[in-house]
Amino acid sequence: RPRSWTDITVLSLALTSILLVIWVVFSYRGSWPGYDEMVVSLP
């Protein structure tokens, strides 16, 4: 079946999200920023 624009959009967003997650993990040396780090950084 040909992929619909919805499938293509979702797959593109999924790939972008995966790459972003990998980048954050490497940036934090295998960790992830905590909840407190998020709220004190707002806005």
Full PDB file with SEQRES, HELIX, SHEET, SSBOND, CRYST1, ORIGX, SCALE, CONECT and MASTER records, all heavy atoms in Angstrom:
SEQRES   1 A   43  ARG PRO ARG SER TRP THR ASP ILE THR VAL LEU SER LEU          
SEQRES   2 A   43  ALA LEU THR SER ILE LEU LEU VAL ILE TRP VAL VAL PHE          
SEQRES   3 A   43  SER TYR ARG GLY SER TRP PRO GLY TYR ASP GLU MET VAL          
SEQRES   4 A   43  VAL SER LEU PRO                                              
HELIX    1 AA1 TRP A    5  SER A   27  1                                  23    
HELIX    2 AA2 TYR A   35  SER A   41  1                                   7    
CRYST1    1.000    1.000    1.000  90.00  90.00  90.00 P 1           1          
ORIGX1      1.000000  0.000000  0.000000        0.00000                         
ORIGX2      0.000000  1.000000  0.000000        0.00000                         
ORIGX3      0.000000  0.000000  1.000000        0.00000                         
SCALE1      1.000000  0.000000  0.000000        0.00000                         
SCALE2      0.000000  1.000000  0.000000        0.00000                         
SCALE3      0.000000  0.000000  1.000000        0.00000                         
ATOM      1  N   ARG A   1       0.843  -1.187   0.000  1.00  0.00           N  
ATOM      2  CA  ARG A   1       0.000   0.000   0.000  1.00  0.00           C  
ATOM      3  C   ARG A   1       0.882   1.242   0.000  1.00  0.00           C  
ATOM      4  O   ARG A   1       1.861   1.300   0.723  1.00  0.00           O  
ATOM      5  CB  ARG A   1      -0.893   0.033   1.238  1.00  0.00           C  
ATOM      6  CG  ARG A   1      -1.864  -1.113   1.345  1.00  0.00           C  
ATOM      7  CD  ARG A   1      -2.804  -0.861   2.514  1.00  0.00           C  
ATOM      8  NE  ARG A   1      -3.732  -1.956   2.699  1.00  0.00           N  
ATOM      9  CZ  ARG A   1      -4.766  -1.916   3.533  1.00  0.00           C  
ATOM     10  NH1 ARG A   1      -4.988  -0.830   4.247  1.00  0.00           N  
ATOM     11  NH2 ARG A   1      -5.574  -2.945   3.652  1.00  0.00           N  
ATOM     12  N   PRO A   2       0.534   2.223  -0.810  1.00  0.00           N  
ATOM     13  CA  PRO A   2       1.308   3.475  -0.753  1.00  0.00           C  
ATOM     14  C   PRO A   2       1.117   4.148   0.598  1.00  0.00           C  
ATOM     15  O   PRO A   2       0.022   4.131   1.159  1.00  0.00           O  
ATOM     16  CB  PRO A   2       0.703   4.308  -1.889  1.00  0.00           C  
ATOM     17  CG  PRO A   2      -0.676   3.750  -2.084  1.00  0.00           C  
ATOM     18  CD  PRO A   2      -0.571   2.284  -1.784  1.00  0.00           C  
ATOM     19  N   ARG A   3       2.174   4.723   1.094  1.00  0.00           N  
ATOM     20  CA  ARG A   3       2.088   5.397   2.388  1.00  0.00           C  
ATOM     21  C   ARG A   3       1.338   6.717   2.241  1.00  0.00           C  
ATOM     22  O   ARG A   3       1.581   7.482   1.326  1.00  0.00           O  
ATOM     23  CB  ARG A   3       3.483   5.646   2.963  1.00  0.00           C  
ATOM     24  CG  ARG A   3       4.244   4.378   3.296  1.00  0.00           C  
ATOM     25  CD  ARG A   3       5.431   4.681   4.191  1.00  0.00           C  
ATOM     26  NE  ARG A   3       6.215   3.495   4.461  1.00  0.00           N  
ATOM     27  CZ  ARG A   3       5.926   2.599   5.387  1.00  0.00           C  
ATOM     28  NH1 ARG A   3       4.838   2.757   6.110  1.00  0.00           N  
ATOM     29  NH2 ARG A   3       6.680   1.552   5.585  1.00  0.00           N  
ATOM     30  N   SER A   4       0.431   6.965   3.174  1.00  0.00           N  
ATOM     31  CA  SER A   4      -0.321   8.211   3.161  1.00  0.00           C  
ATOM     32  C   SER A   4       0.551   9.326   3.723  1.00  0.00           C  
ATOM     33  O   SER A   4       1.599   9.098   4.322  1.00  0.00           O  
ATOM     34  CB  SER A   4      -1.584   8.060   4.008  1.00  0.00           C  
ATOM     35  OG  SER A   4      -1.254   7.899   5.387  1.00  0.00           O  
ATOM     36  N   TRP A   5       0.073  10.575   3.545  1.00  0.00           N  
ATOM     37  CA  TRP A   5       0.817  11.715   4.087  1.00  0.00           C  
ATOM     38  C   TRP A   5       0.849  11.633   5.610  1.00  0.00           C  
ATOM     39  O   TRP A   5       1.807  12.088   6.240  1.00  0.00           O  
ATOM     40  CB  TRP A   5       0.194  13.017   3.627  1.00  0.00           C  
ATOM     41  CG  TRP A   5      -1.182  13.283   4.178  1.00  0.00           C  
ATOM     42  CD1 TRP A   5      -2.369  12.931   3.621  1.00  0.00           C  
ATOM     43  CD2 TRP A   5      -1.489  13.929   5.417  1.00  0.00           C  
ATOM     44  NE1 TRP A   5      -3.412  13.314   4.432  1.00  0.00           N  
ATOM     45  CE2 TRP A   5      -2.898  13.940   5.533  1.00  0.00           C  
ATOM     46  CE3 TRP A   5      -0.726  14.511   6.430  1.00  0.00           C  
ATOM     47  CZ2 TRP A   5      -3.552  14.492   6.625  1.00  0.00           C  
ATOM     48  CZ3 TRP A   5      -1.376  15.065   7.524  1.00  0.00           C  
ATOM     49  CH2 TRP A   5      -2.768  15.056   7.615  1.00  0.00           C  
ATOM     50  N   THR A   6      -0.189  11.039   6.199  1.00  0.00           N  
ATOM     51  CA  THR A   6      -0.208  10.878   7.656  1.00  0.00           C  
ATOM     52  C   THR A   6       0.912   9.953   8.097  1.00  0.00           C  
ATOM     53  O   THR A   6       1.641  10.240   9.061  1.00  0.00           O  
ATOM     54  CB  THR A   6      -1.563  10.325   8.121  1.00  0.00           C  
ATOM     55  OG1 THR A   6      -2.607  11.178   7.656  1.00  0.00           O  
ATOM     56  CG2 THR A   6      -1.612  10.232   9.639  1.00  0.00           C  
ATOM     57  N   ASP A   7       1.050   8.806   7.405  1.00  0.00           N  
ATOM     58  CA  ASP A   7       2.114   7.860   7.749  1.00  0.00           C  
ATOM     59  C   ASP A   7       3.484   8.507   7.609  1.00  0.00           C  
ATOM     60  O   ASP A   7       4.353   8.351   8.468  1.00  0.00           O  
ATOM     61  CB  ASP A   7       2.039   6.620   6.854  1.00  0.00           C  
ATOM     62  CG  ASP A   7       0.788   5.792   7.115  1.00  0.00           C  
ATOM     63  OD1 ASP A   7       0.270   5.859   8.243  1.00  0.00           O  
ATOM     64  OD2 ASP A   7       0.334   5.096   6.189  1.00  0.00           O  
ATOM     65  N   ILE A   8       3.675   9.235   6.516  1.00  0.00           N  
ATOM     66  CA  ILE A   8       4.971   9.870   6.271  1.00  0.00           C  
ATOM     67  C   ILE A   8       5.267  10.919   7.347  1.00  0.00           C  
ATOM     68  O   ILE A   8       6.384  11.003   7.865  1.00  0.00           O  
ATOM     69  CB  ILE A   8       4.995  10.504   4.872  1.00  0.00           C  
ATOM     70  CG1 ILE A   8       4.891   9.414   3.800  1.00  0.00           C  
ATOM     71  CG2 ILE A   8       6.260  11.326   4.672  1.00  0.00           C  
ATOM     72  CD1 ILE A   8       4.711   9.936   2.393  1.00  0.00           C  
ATOM     73  N   THR A   9       4.244  11.707   7.703  1.00  0.00           N  
ATOM     74  CA  THR A   9       4.426  12.734   8.734  1.00  0.00           C  
ATOM     75  C   THR A   9       4.780  12.102  10.072  1.00  0.00           C  
ATOM     76  O   THR A   9       5.710  12.549  10.774  1.00  0.00           O  
ATOM     77  CB  THR A   9       3.147  13.578   8.876  1.00  0.00           C  
ATOM     78  OG1 THR A   9       2.848  14.197   7.629  1.00  0.00           O  
ATOM     79  CG2 THR A   9       3.330  14.646   9.944  1.00  0.00           C  
ATOM     80  N   VAL A  10       4.038  11.051  10.450  1.00  0.00           N  
ATOM     81  CA  VAL A  10       4.282  10.399  11.734  1.00  0.00           C  
ATOM     82  C   VAL A  10       5.662   9.757  11.765  1.00  0.00           C  
ATOM     83  O   VAL A  10       6.399   9.864  12.756  1.00  0.00           O  
ATOM     84  CB  VAL A  10       3.188   9.349  12.021  1.00  0.00           C  
ATOM     85  CG1 VAL A  10       3.563   8.489  13.227  1.00  0.00           C  
ATOM     86  CG2 VAL A  10       1.848  10.038  12.266  1.00  0.00           C  
ATOM     87  N   LEU A  11       6.040   9.100  10.678  1.00  0.00           N  
ATOM     88  CA  LEU A  11       7.359   8.473  10.636  1.00  0.00           C  
ATOM     89  C   LEU A  11       8.471   9.527  10.719  1.00  0.00           C  
ATOM     90  O   LEU A  11       9.490   9.306  11.382  1.00  0.00           O  
ATOM     91  CB  LEU A  11       7.500   7.647   9.360  1.00  0.00           C  
ATOM     92  CG  LEU A  11       6.674   6.354   9.306  1.00  0.00           C  
ATOM     93  CD1 LEU A  11       6.761   5.717   7.925  1.00  0.00           C  
ATOM     94  CD2 LEU A  11       7.145   5.363  10.371  1.00  0.00           C  
ATOM     95  N   SER A  12       8.264  10.653  10.065  1.00  0.00           N  
ATOM     96  CA  SER A  12       9.256  11.728  10.124  1.00  0.00           C  
ATOM     97  C   SER A  12       9.381  12.278  11.540  1.00  0.00           C  
ATOM     98  O   SER A  12      10.491  12.502  12.047  1.00  0.00           O  
ATOM     99  CB  SER A  12       8.875  12.850   9.154  1.00  0.00           C  
ATOM    100  OG  SER A  12       8.803  12.374   7.833  1.00  0.00           O  
ATOM    101  N   LEU A  13       8.237  12.496  12.198  1.00  0.00           N  
ATOM    102  CA  LEU A  13       8.257  12.979  13.581  1.00  0.00           C  
ATOM    103  C   LEU A  13       8.893  11.956  14.511  1.00  0.00           C  
ATOM    104  O   LEU A  13       9.632  12.315  15.438  1.00  0.00           O  
ATOM    105  CB  LEU A  13       6.837  13.302  14.040  1.00  0.00           C  
ATOM    106  CG  LEU A  13       6.180  14.538  13.404  1.00  0.00           C  
ATOM    107  CD1 LEU A  13       4.721  14.636  13.818  1.00  0.00           C  
ATOM    108  CD2 LEU A  13       6.931  15.805  13.803  1.00  0.00           C  
ATOM    109  N   ALA A  14       8.600  10.669  14.266  1.00  0.00           N  
ATOM    110  CA  ALA A  14       9.178   9.618  15.111  1.00  0.00           C  
ATOM    111  C   ALA A  14      10.693   9.582  14.968  1.00  0.00           C  
ATOM    112  O   ALA A  14      11.431   9.480  15.965  1.00  0.00           O  
ATOM    113  CB  ALA A  14       8.577   8.260  14.745  1.00  0.00           C  
ATOM    114  N   LEU A  15      11.185   9.666  13.738  1.00  0.00           N  
ATOM    115  CA  LEU A  15      12.634   9.664  13.506  1.00  0.00           C  
ATOM    116  C   LEU A  15      13.279  10.886  14.148  1.00  0.00           C  
ATOM    117  O   LEU A  15      14.333  10.781  14.791  1.00  0.00           O  
ATOM    118  CB  LEU A  15      12.918   9.625  12.008  1.00  0.00           C  
ATOM    119  CG  LEU A  15      14.397   9.630  11.596  1.00  0.00           C  
ATOM    120  CD1 LEU A  15      15.111   8.409  12.180  1.00  0.00           C  
ATOM    121  CD2 LEU A  15      14.530   9.661  10.075  1.00  0.00           C  
ATOM    122  N   THR A  16      12.642  12.046  13.989  1.00  0.00           N  
ATOM    123  CA  THR A  16      13.170  13.273  14.604  1.00  0.00           C  
ATOM    124  C   THR A  16      13.219  13.141  16.123  1.00  0.00           C  
ATOM    125  O   THR A  16      14.202  13.537  16.767  1.00  0.00           O  
ATOM    126  CB  THR A  16      12.297  14.472  14.215  1.00  0.00           C  
ATOM    127  OG1 THR A  16      12.260  14.587  12.779  1.00  0.00           O  
ATOM    128  CG2 THR A  16      12.852  15.754  14.807  1.00  0.00           C  
ATOM    129  N   SER A  17      12.161  12.574  16.703  1.00  0.00           N  
ATOM    130  CA  SER A  17      12.112  12.408  18.153  1.00  0.00           C  
ATOM    131  C   SER A  17      13.202  11.460  18.640  1.00  0.00           C  
ATOM    132  O   SER A  17      13.861  11.716  19.659  1.00  0.00           O  
ATOM    133  CB  SER A  17      10.737  11.866  18.570  1.00  0.00           C  
ATOM    134  OG  SER A  17       9.704  12.758  18.208  1.00  0.00           O  
ATOM    135  N   ILE A  18      13.409  10.368  17.913  1.00  0.00           N  
ATOM    136  CA  ILE A  18      14.446   9.409  18.298  1.00  0.00           C  
ATOM    137  C   ILE A  18      15.822  10.058  18.260  1.00  0.00           C  
ATOM    138  O   ILE A  18      16.641   9.893  19.186  1.00  0.00           O  
ATOM    139  CB  ILE A  18      14.393   8.167  17.388  1.00  0.00           C  
ATOM    140  CG1 ILE A  18      13.106   7.362  17.652  1.00  0.00           C  
ATOM    141  CG2 ILE A  18      15.617   7.286  17.598  1.00  0.00           C  
ATOM    142  CD1 ILE A  18      12.864   6.260  16.645  1.00  0.00           C  
ATOM    143  N   LEU A  19      16.090  10.800  17.197  1.00  0.00           N  
ATOM    144  CA  LEU A  19      17.387  11.473  17.082  1.00  0.00           C  
ATOM    145  C   LEU A  19      17.561  12.510  18.194  1.00  0.00           C  
ATOM    146  O   LEU A  19      18.655  12.657  18.761  1.00  0.00           O  
ATOM    147  CB  LEU A  19      17.510  12.137  15.712  1.00  0.00           C  
ATOM    148  CG  LEU A  19      17.592  11.188  14.503  1.00  0.00           C  
ATOM    149  CD1 LEU A  19      17.574  11.977  13.206  1.00  0.00           C  
ATOM    150  CD2 LEU A  19      18.846  10.316  14.581  1.00  0.00           C  
ATOM    151  N   LEU A  20      16.484  13.215  18.522  1.00  0.00           N  
ATOM    152  CA  LEU A  20      16.548  14.209  19.589  1.00  0.00           C  
ATOM    153  C   LEU A  20      16.799  13.557  20.940  1.00  0.00           C  
ATOM    154  O   LEU A  20      17.600  14.061  21.746  1.00  0.00           O  
ATOM    155  CB  LEU A  20      15.249  15.018  19.623  1.00  0.00           C  
ATOM    156  CG  LEU A  20      15.192  16.200  20.599  1.00  0.00           C  
ATOM    157  CD1 LEU A  20      16.286  17.213  20.270  1.00  0.00           C  
ATOM    158  CD2 LEU A  20      13.824  16.867  20.559  1.00  0.00           C  
ATOM    159  N   VAL A  21      16.148  12.438  21.182  1.00  0.00           N  
ATOM    160  CA  VAL A  21      16.356  11.711  22.443  1.00  0.00           C  
ATOM    161  C   VAL A  21      17.801  11.252  22.553  1.00  0.00           C  
ATOM    162  O   VAL A  21      18.445  11.389  23.610  1.00  0.00           O  
ATOM    163  CB  VAL A  21      15.395  10.511  22.532  1.00  0.00           C  
ATOM    164  CG1 VAL A  21      15.796   9.577  23.678  1.00  0.00           C  
ATOM    165  CG2 VAL A  21      13.960  10.996  22.730  1.00  0.00           C  
ATOM    166  N   ILE A  22      18.324  10.692  21.460  1.00  0.00           N  
ATOM    167  CA  ILE A  22      19.717  10.233  21.471  1.00  0.00           C  
ATOM    168  C   ILE A  22      20.661  11.399  21.737  1.00  0.00           C  
ATOM    169  O   ILE A  22      21.627  11.287  22.514  1.00  0.00           O  
ATOM    170  CB  ILE A  22      20.058   9.540  20.131  1.00  0.00           C  
ATOM    171  CG1 ILE A  22      19.248   8.239  19.996  1.00  0.00           C  
ATOM    172  CG2 ILE A  22      21.554   9.252  20.037  1.00  0.00           C  
ATOM    173  CD1 ILE A  22      19.382   7.589  18.623  1.00  0.00           C  
ATOM    174  N   TRP A  23      20.385  12.544  21.127  1.00  0.00           N  
ATOM    175  CA  TRP A  23      21.234  13.727  21.326  1.00  0.00           C  
ATOM    176  C   TRP A  23      21.205  14.185  22.782  1.00  0.00           C  
ATOM    177  O   TRP A  23      22.254  14.513  23.360  1.00  0.00           O  
ATOM    178  CB  TRP A  23      20.769  14.843  20.405  1.00  0.00           C  
ATOM    179  CG  TRP A  23      21.530  16.120  20.598  1.00  0.00           C  
ATOM    180  CD1 TRP A  23      22.787  16.419  20.145  1.00  0.00           C  
ATOM    181  CD2 TRP A  23      21.092  17.268  21.329  1.00  0.00           C  
ATOM    182  NE1 TRP A  23      23.159  17.686  20.538  1.00  0.00           N  
ATOM    183  CE2 TRP A  23      22.136  18.233  21.264  1.00  0.00           C  
ATOM    184  CE3 TRP A  23      19.923  17.590  22.007  1.00  0.00           C  
ATOM    185  CZ2 TRP A  23      22.034  19.467  21.873  1.00  0.00           C  
ATOM    186  CZ3 TRP A  23      19.813  18.825  22.608  1.00  0.00           C  
ATOM    187  CH2 TRP A  23      20.860  19.761  22.543  1.00  0.00           C  
ATOM    188  N   VAL A  24      20.012  14.197  23.396  1.00  0.00           N  
ATOM    189  CA  VAL A  24      19.908  14.619  24.798  1.00  0.00           C  
ATOM    190  C   VAL A  24      20.656  13.644  25.705  1.00  0.00           C  
ATOM    191  O   VAL A  24      21.394  14.067  26.619  1.00  0.00           O  
ATOM    192  CB  VAL A  24      18.432  14.719  25.220  1.00  0.00           C  
ATOM    193  CG1 VAL A  24      18.327  14.975  26.725  1.00  0.00           C  
ATOM    194  CG2 VAL A  24      17.730  15.832  24.453  1.00  0.00           C  
ATOM    195  N   VAL A  25      20.505  12.347  25.458  1.00  0.00           N  
ATOM    196  CA  VAL A  25      21.181  11.345  26.289  1.00  0.00           C  
ATOM    197  C   VAL A  25      22.692  11.510  26.206  1.00  0.00           C  
ATOM    198  O   VAL A  25      23.402  11.464  27.226  1.00  0.00           O  
ATOM    199  CB  VAL A  25      20.756   9.926  25.872  1.00  0.00           C  
ATOM    200  CG1 VAL A  25      21.625   8.875  26.573  1.00  0.00           C  
ATOM    201  CG2 VAL A  25      19.290   9.684  26.210  1.00  0.00           C  
ATOM    202  N   PHE A  26      23.203  11.712  24.995  1.00  0.00           N  
ATOM    203  CA  PHE A  26      24.648  11.908  24.845  1.00  0.00           C  
ATOM    204  C   PHE A  26      25.094  13.226  25.471  1.00  0.00           C  
ATOM    205  O   PHE A  26      26.170  13.307  26.078  1.00  0.00           O  
ATOM    206  CB  PHE A  26      25.038  11.859  23.360  1.00  0.00           C  
ATOM    207  CG  PHE A  26      25.297  10.478  22.848  1.00  0.00           C  
ATOM    208  CD1 PHE A  26      24.348   9.796  22.106  1.00  0.00           C  
ATOM    209  CD2 PHE A  26      26.491   9.828  23.128  1.00  0.00           C  
ATOM    210  CE1 PHE A  26      24.575   8.516  21.642  1.00  0.00           C  
ATOM    211  CE2 PHE A  26      26.741   8.546  22.674  1.00  0.00           C  
ATOM    212  CZ  PHE A  26      25.772   7.879  21.926  1.00  0.00           C  
ATOM    213  N   SER A  27      24.262  14.256  25.340  1.00  0.00           N  
ATOM    214  CA  SER A  27      24.615  15.555  25.922  1.00  0.00           C  
ATOM    215  C   SER A  27      24.716  15.483  27.435  1.00  0.00           C  
ATOM    216  O   SER A  27      25.534  16.164  28.053  1.00  0.00           O  
ATOM    217  CB  SER A  27      23.584  16.615  25.511  1.00  0.00           C  
ATOM    218  OG  SER A  27      23.561  16.785  24.115  1.00  0.00           O  
ATOM    219  N   TYR A  28      23.867  14.647  28.042  1.00  0.00           N  
ATOM    220  CA  TYR A  28      23.873  14.498  29.502  1.00  0.00           C  
ATOM    221  C   TYR A  28      24.646  13.262  29.949  1.00  0.00           C  
ATOM    222  O   TYR A  28      24.449  12.761  31.046  1.00  0.00           O  
ATOM    223  CB  TYR A  28      22.434  14.451  30.034  1.00  0.00           C  
ATOM    224  CG  TYR A  28      21.798  15.814  30.139  1.00  0.00           C  
ATOM    225  CD1 TYR A  28      21.263  16.437  29.020  1.00  0.00           C  
ATOM    226  CD2 TYR A  28      21.746  16.488  31.351  1.00  0.00           C  
ATOM    227  CE1 TYR A  28      20.686  17.701  29.096  1.00  0.00           C  
ATOM    228  CE2 TYR A  28      21.172  17.750  31.453  1.00  0.00           C  
ATOM    229  CZ  TYR A  28      20.641  18.346  30.317  1.00  0.00           C  
ATOM    230  OH  TYR A  28      20.078  19.592  30.411  1.00  0.00           O  
ATOM    231  N   ARG A  29      25.498  12.759  29.060  1.00  0.00           N  
ATOM    232  CA  ARG A  29      26.396  11.647  29.372  1.00  0.00           C  
ATOM    233  C   ARG A  29      25.636  10.429  29.892  1.00  0.00           C  
ATOM    234  O   ARG A  29      25.910   9.901  30.967  1.00  0.00           O  
ATOM    235  CB  ARG A  29      27.457  12.088  30.386  1.00  0.00           C  
ATOM    236  CG  ARG A  29      28.343  13.221  29.862  1.00  0.00           C  
ATOM    237  CD  ARG A  29      29.405  13.610  30.868  1.00  0.00           C  
ATOM    238  NE  ARG A  29      30.228  14.710  30.361  1.00  0.00           N  
ATOM    239  CZ  ARG A  29      31.237  15.256  31.040  1.00  0.00           C  
ATOM    240  NH1 ARG A  29      31.542  14.810  32.255  1.00  0.00           N  
ATOM    241  NH2 ARG A  29      31.930  16.239  30.510  1.00  0.00           N  
ATOM    242  N   GLY A  30      24.648   9.999  29.112  1.00  0.00           N  
ATOM    243  CA  GLY A  30      23.894   8.800  29.445  1.00  0.00           C  
ATOM    244  C   GLY A  30      22.775   9.010  30.426  1.00  0.00           C  
ATOM    245  O   GLY A  30      22.146   8.040  30.868  1.00  0.00           O  
ATOM    246  N   SER A  31      22.469  10.250  30.745  1.00  0.00           N  
ATOM    247  CA  SER A  31      21.395  10.547  31.694  1.00  0.00           C  
ATOM    248  C   SER A  31      20.321  11.383  30.997  1.00  0.00           C  
ATOM    249  O   SER A  31      20.281  11.482  29.773  1.00  0.00           O  
ATOM    250  CB  SER A  31      21.955  11.276  32.910  1.00  0.00           C  
ATOM    251  OG  SER A  31      20.950  11.502  33.874  1.00  0.00           O  
ATOM    252  N   TRP A  32      19.434  11.965  31.813  1.00  0.00           N  
ATOM    253  CA  TRP A  32      18.370  12.821  31.291  1.00  0.00           C  
ATOM    254  C   TRP A  32      18.135  13.941  32.298  1.00  0.00           C  
ATOM    255  O   TRP A  32      18.200  13.716  33.495  1.00  0.00           O  
ATOM    256  CB  TRP A  32      17.084  12.012  31.107  1.00  0.00           C  
ATOM    257  CG  TRP A  32      16.060  12.701  30.250  1.00  0.00           C  
ATOM    258  CD1 TRP A  32      15.071  13.528  30.665  1.00  0.00           C  
ATOM    259  CD2 TRP A  32      15.938  12.622  28.828  1.00  0.00           C  
ATOM    260  NE1 TRP A  32      14.336  13.978  29.596  1.00  0.00           N  
ATOM    261  CE2 TRP A  32      14.851  13.434  28.447  1.00  0.00           C  
ATOM    262  CE3 TRP A  32      16.662  11.942  27.827  1.00  0.00           C  
ATOM    263  CZ2 TRP A  32      14.455  13.587  27.122  1.00  0.00           C  
ATOM    264  CZ3 TRP A  32      16.270  12.090  26.516  1.00  0.00           C  
ATOM    265  CH2 TRP A  32      15.172  12.897  26.163  1.00  0.00           C  
ATOM    266  N   PRO A  33      17.856  15.152  31.829  1.00  0.00           N  
ATOM    267  CA  PRO A  33      17.623  16.247  32.782  1.00  0.00           C  
ATOM    268  C   PRO A  33      16.433  15.962  33.686  1.00  0.00           C  
ATOM    269  O   PRO A  33      15.422  15.413  33.251  1.00  0.00           O  
ATOM    270  CB  PRO A  33      17.374  17.453  31.873  1.00  0.00           C  
ATOM    271  CG  PRO A  33      17.034  16.887  30.530  1.00  0.00           C  
ATOM    272  CD  PRO A  33      17.765  15.595  30.429  1.00  0.00           C  
ATOM    273  N   GLY A  34      16.559  16.348  34.960  1.00  0.00           N  
ATOM    274  CA  GLY A  34      15.523  16.067  35.942  1.00  0.00           C  
ATOM    275  C   GLY A  34      14.348  17.013  35.850  1.00  0.00           C  
ATOM    276  O   GLY A  34      14.363  18.009  35.129  1.00  0.00           O  
ATOM    277  N   TYR A  35      13.318  16.697  36.629  1.00  0.00           N  
ATOM    278  CA  TYR A  35      12.109  17.528  36.657  1.00  0.00           C  
ATOM    279  C   TYR A  35      12.420  18.924  37.186  1.00  0.00           C  
ATOM    280  O   TYR A  35      11.963  19.925  36.630  1.00  0.00           O  
ATOM    281  CB  TYR A  35      11.044  16.858  37.526  1.00  0.00           C  
ATOM    282  CG  TYR A  35       9.771  17.656  37.663  1.00  0.00           C  
ATOM    283  CD1 TYR A  35       8.811  17.641  36.660  1.00  0.00           C  
ATOM    284  CD2 TYR A  35       9.519  18.432  38.796  1.00  0.00           C  
ATOM    285  CE1 TYR A  35       7.637  18.372  36.772  1.00  0.00           C  
ATOM    286  CE2 TYR A  35       8.360  19.172  38.921  1.00  0.00           C  
ATOM    287  CZ  TYR A  35       7.419  19.137  37.911  1.00  0.00           C  
ATOM    288  OH  TYR A  35       6.268  19.868  38.028  1.00  0.00           O  
ATOM    289  N   ASP A  36      13.205  18.988  38.245  1.00  0.00           N  
ATOM    290  CA  ASP A  36      13.535  20.301  38.822  1.00  0.00           C  
ATOM    291  C   ASP A  36      14.312  21.168  37.840  1.00  0.00           C  
ATOM    292  O   ASP A  36      14.133  22.398  37.806  1.00  0.00           O  
ATOM    293  CB  ASP A  36      14.334  20.121  40.113  1.00  0.00           C  
ATOM    294  CG  ASP A  36      13.482  19.566  41.239  1.00  0.00           C  
ATOM    295  OD1 ASP A  36      12.243  19.676  41.141  1.00  0.00           O  
ATOM    296  OD2 ASP A  36      14.055  19.024  42.205  1.00  0.00           O  
ATOM    297  N   GLU A  37      15.178  20.540  37.048  1.00  0.00           N  
ATOM    298  CA  GLU A  37      15.913  21.300  36.039  1.00  0.00           C  
ATOM    299  C   GLU A  37      14.966  21.925  35.025  1.00  0.00           C  
ATOM    300  O   GLU A  37      15.218  23.034  34.526  1.00  0.00           O  
ATOM    301  CB  GLU A  37      16.908  20.387  35.319  1.00  0.00           C  
ATOM    302  CG  GLU A  37      18.058  19.893  36.180  1.00  0.00           C  
ATOM    303  CD  GLU A  37      18.982  18.978  35.403  1.00  0.00           C  
ATOM    304  OE1 GLU A  37      19.596  19.444  34.430  1.00  0.00           O  
ATOM    305  OE2 GLU A  37      19.079  17.794  35.764  1.00  0.00           O  
ATOM    306  N   MET A  38      13.879  21.207  34.721  1.00  0.00           N  
ATOM    307  CA  MET A  38      12.913  21.743  33.765  1.00  0.00           C  
ATOM    308  C   MET A  38      12.190  22.959  34.336  1.00  0.00           C  
ATOM    309  O   MET A  38      12.129  24.013  33.690  1.00  0.00           O  
ATOM    310  CB  MET A  38      11.890  20.670  33.389  1.00  0.00           C  
ATOM    311  CG  MET A  38      10.746  21.175  32.527  1.00  0.00           C  
ATOM    312  SD  MET A  38       9.526  19.912  32.139  1.00  0.00           S  
ATOM    313  CE  MET A  38       8.817  19.606  33.762  1.00  0.00           C  
ATOM    314  N   VAL A  39      11.646  22.834  35.548  1.00  0.00           N  
ATOM    315  CA  VAL A  39      10.803  23.918  36.070  1.00  0.00           C  
ATOM    316  C   VAL A  39      11.606  25.170  36.402  1.00  0.00           C  
ATOM    317  O   VAL A  39      11.110  26.287  36.229  1.00  0.00           O  
ATOM    318  CB  VAL A  39      10.001  23.435  37.301  1.00  0.00           C  
ATOM    319  CG1 VAL A  39       8.991  22.378  36.895  1.00  0.00           C  
ATOM    320  CG2 VAL A  39      10.907  22.927  38.404  1.00  0.00           C  
ATOM    321  N   VAL A  40      12.847  24.996  36.860  1.00  0.00           N  
ATOM    322  CA  VAL A  40      13.643  26.194  37.161  1.00  0.00           C  
ATOM    323  C   VAL A  40      14.116  26.884  35.891  1.00  0.00           C  
ATOM    324  O   VAL A  40      14.501  28.056  35.924  1.00  0.00           O  
ATOM    325  CB  VAL A  40      14.858  25.856  38.059  1.00  0.00           C  
ATOM    326  CG1 VAL A  40      14.405  25.283  39.389  1.00  0.00           C  
ATOM    327  CG2 VAL A  40      15.821  24.910  37.363  1.00  0.00           C  
ATOM    328  N   SER A  41      14.079  26.159  34.749  1.00  0.00           N  
ATOM    329  CA  SER A  41      14.511  26.747  33.485  1.00  0.00           C  
ATOM    330  C   SER A  41      13.391  27.493  32.762  1.00  0.00           C  
ATOM    331  O   SER A  41      13.640  28.186  31.771  1.00  0.00           O  
ATOM    332  CB  SER A  41      15.070  25.669  32.562  1.00  0.00           C  
ATOM    333  OG  SER A  41      16.195  25.038  33.142  1.00  0.00           O  
ATOM    334  N   LEU A  42      12.148  27.313  33.211  1.00  0.00           N  
ATOM    335  CA  LEU A  42      11.041  28.026  32.578  1.00  0.00           C  
ATOM    336  C   LEU A  42      11.242  29.528  32.706  1.00  0.00           C  
ATOM    337  O   LEU A  42      11.729  29.993  33.741  1.00  0.00           O  
ATOM    338  CB  LEU A  42       9.715  27.609  33.233  1.00  0.00           C  
ATOM    339  CG  LEU A  42       9.266  26.159  32.999  1.00  0.00           C  
ATOM    340  CD1 LEU A  42       8.094  25.815  33.895  1.00  0.00           C  
ATOM    341  CD2 LEU A  42       8.896  25.936  31.543  1.00  0.00           C  
ATOM    342  N   PRO A  43      10.933  30.318  31.692  1.00  0.00           N  
ATOM    343  CA  PRO A  43      10.265  29.973  30.429  1.00  0.00           C  
ATOM    344  C   PRO A  43      11.193  29.729  29.242  1.00  0.00           C  
ATOM    345  O   PRO A  43      10.852  30.105  28.116  1.00  0.00           O  
ATOM    346  CB  PRO A  43       9.404  31.212  30.190  1.00  0.00           C  
ATOM    347  CG  PRO A  43      10.262  32.338  30.697  1.00  0.00           C  
ATOM    348  CD  PRO A  43      11.022  31.773  31.879  1.00  0.00           C  
TER     349      PRO A  43                                                      
MASTER        0    0    0    2    0    0    0    6  348    1    0    4          
END                                                                             
